[in-house]
N, C-alpha and C. Protein backbone atom coordinates (compact mmCIF):
# COMPACT_ATOMS: atom_id res chain seq x y z
N UNK A 1 -13.95 -57.26 147.75
CA UNK A 1 -12.72 -57.23 147.44
C UNK A 1 -12.29 -57.85 146.15
N UNK A 2 -13.13 -58.81 145.56
CA UNK A 2 -12.62 -59.23 144.27
C UNK A 2 -13.24 -58.32 143.37
N UNK A 3 -14.15 -57.74 143.35
CA UNK A 3 -14.68 -56.60 142.50
C UNK A 3 -13.90 -55.44 142.48
N UNK A 4 -13.27 -55.11 143.47
CA UNK A 4 -12.18 -53.94 143.64
C UNK A 4 -11.01 -54.13 142.90
N UNK A 5 -10.51 -55.39 143.02
CA UNK A 5 -9.39 -56.00 142.51
C UNK A 5 -9.53 -56.00 140.96
N UNK A 6 -10.67 -56.51 140.36
CA UNK A 6 -11.06 -56.47 139.01
C UNK A 6 -10.89 -55.38 138.63
N UNK A 7 -11.44 -54.36 139.25
CA UNK A 7 -11.48 -52.87 138.68
C UNK A 7 -10.24 -52.30 138.69
N UNK A 8 -9.35 -52.46 139.56
CA UNK A 8 -8.02 -51.85 139.91
C UNK A 8 -7.11 -52.60 138.48
N UNK A 9 -7.39 -53.82 138.30
CA UNK A 9 -6.67 -54.47 137.16
C UNK A 9 -7.17 -53.95 136.10
N UNK A 10 -8.24 -53.86 135.62
CA UNK A 10 -8.93 -53.30 134.34
C UNK A 10 -8.18 -52.04 134.23
N UNK A 11 -8.05 -51.04 135.14
CA UNK A 11 -7.71 -49.63 135.25
C UNK A 11 -6.04 -49.77 134.82
N UNK A 12 -5.35 -50.92 135.20
CA UNK A 12 -3.99 -50.97 135.10
C UNK A 12 -3.76 -51.60 133.66
N UNK A 13 -4.57 -52.36 133.09
CA UNK A 13 -4.46 -52.83 131.72
C UNK A 13 -4.89 -51.90 130.47
N UNK A 14 -5.92 -51.24 130.84
CA UNK A 14 -6.45 -50.35 129.70
C UNK A 14 -5.50 -49.25 129.17
N UNK A 15 -4.93 -48.49 130.18
CA UNK A 15 -3.87 -47.24 129.68
C UNK A 15 -2.80 -47.73 129.04
N UNK A 16 -2.24 -49.07 129.29
CA UNK A 16 -1.11 -49.89 128.22
C UNK A 16 -1.55 -49.89 126.91
N UNK A 17 -2.84 -50.34 126.70
CA UNK A 17 -3.19 -50.58 125.41
C UNK A 17 -3.65 -49.09 124.71
N UNK A 18 -4.08 -48.36 125.61
CA UNK A 18 -4.37 -46.78 124.92
C UNK A 18 -3.21 -45.91 124.59
N UNK A 19 -2.07 -46.02 125.54
CA UNK A 19 -1.04 -45.14 125.35
C UNK A 19 -0.47 -45.23 123.71
N UNK A 20 -0.24 -46.37 123.31
CA UNK A 20 0.36 -46.34 121.88
C UNK A 20 -0.61 -45.44 120.92
N UNK A 21 -2.01 -45.61 121.06
CA UNK A 21 -2.95 -44.89 120.25
C UNK A 21 -2.85 -43.67 120.27
N UNK A 22 -2.68 -43.11 121.69
CA UNK A 22 -2.81 -41.58 121.91
C UNK A 22 -1.25 -40.95 121.40
N UNK A 23 -0.12 -41.61 121.55
CA UNK A 23 1.09 -41.23 120.80
C UNK A 23 0.92 -41.09 119.30
N UNK A 24 0.41 -42.16 118.52
CA UNK A 24 0.02 -42.08 117.19
C UNK A 24 -0.80 -40.94 116.81
N UNK A 25 -1.99 -40.56 117.63
CA UNK A 25 -2.72 -39.63 117.29
C UNK A 25 -2.18 -38.03 117.55
N UNK A 26 -1.24 -38.12 118.58
CA UNK A 26 -0.42 -36.96 118.83
C UNK A 26 0.78 -36.62 117.77
N UNK A 27 1.28 -37.66 117.25
CA UNK A 27 2.16 -37.57 115.99
C UNK A 27 1.44 -36.95 114.91
N UNK A 28 0.47 -37.64 114.56
CA UNK A 28 -0.54 -37.55 113.38
C UNK A 28 -0.91 -35.86 113.47
N UNK A 29 -1.37 -35.51 114.76
CA UNK A 29 -1.79 -34.05 114.86
C UNK A 29 -0.72 -33.09 114.57
N UNK A 30 0.53 -33.35 115.13
CA UNK A 30 1.58 -32.47 115.15
C UNK A 30 1.95 -32.29 113.63
N UNK A 31 1.95 -33.52 112.98
CA UNK A 31 2.30 -33.28 111.27
C UNK A 31 1.46 -32.67 110.65
N UNK A 32 -0.08 -32.89 110.90
CA UNK A 32 -1.09 -32.16 110.20
C UNK A 32 -1.02 -30.58 110.54
N UNK A 33 -0.73 -30.32 111.84
CA UNK A 33 -0.68 -28.84 112.17
C UNK A 33 0.56 -28.19 111.49
N UNK A 34 1.70 -28.88 111.29
CA UNK A 34 2.93 -28.27 110.84
C UNK A 34 2.65 -28.08 109.48
N UNK A 35 2.09 -29.11 108.69
CA UNK A 35 1.85 -29.11 107.19
C UNK A 35 0.74 -27.76 106.94
N UNK A 36 -0.12 -27.60 107.81
CA UNK A 36 -1.05 -26.64 107.67
C UNK A 36 -0.63 -25.07 107.80
N UNK A 37 0.26 -25.06 108.88
CA UNK A 37 0.86 -23.67 109.08
C UNK A 37 1.86 -23.54 108.17
N UNK A 38 2.78 -24.71 107.56
CA UNK A 38 3.58 -24.20 106.64
C UNK A 38 2.99 -24.03 105.12
């Protein structure tokens, strides 16, 4: 029970930290692609 609870908590915390990085990468990619095509 404790191990499952720990895993579920890890899965709950990790995405919160990863989301800003994914958003930043998506913005950078969109900027670079628009600069390339223009």
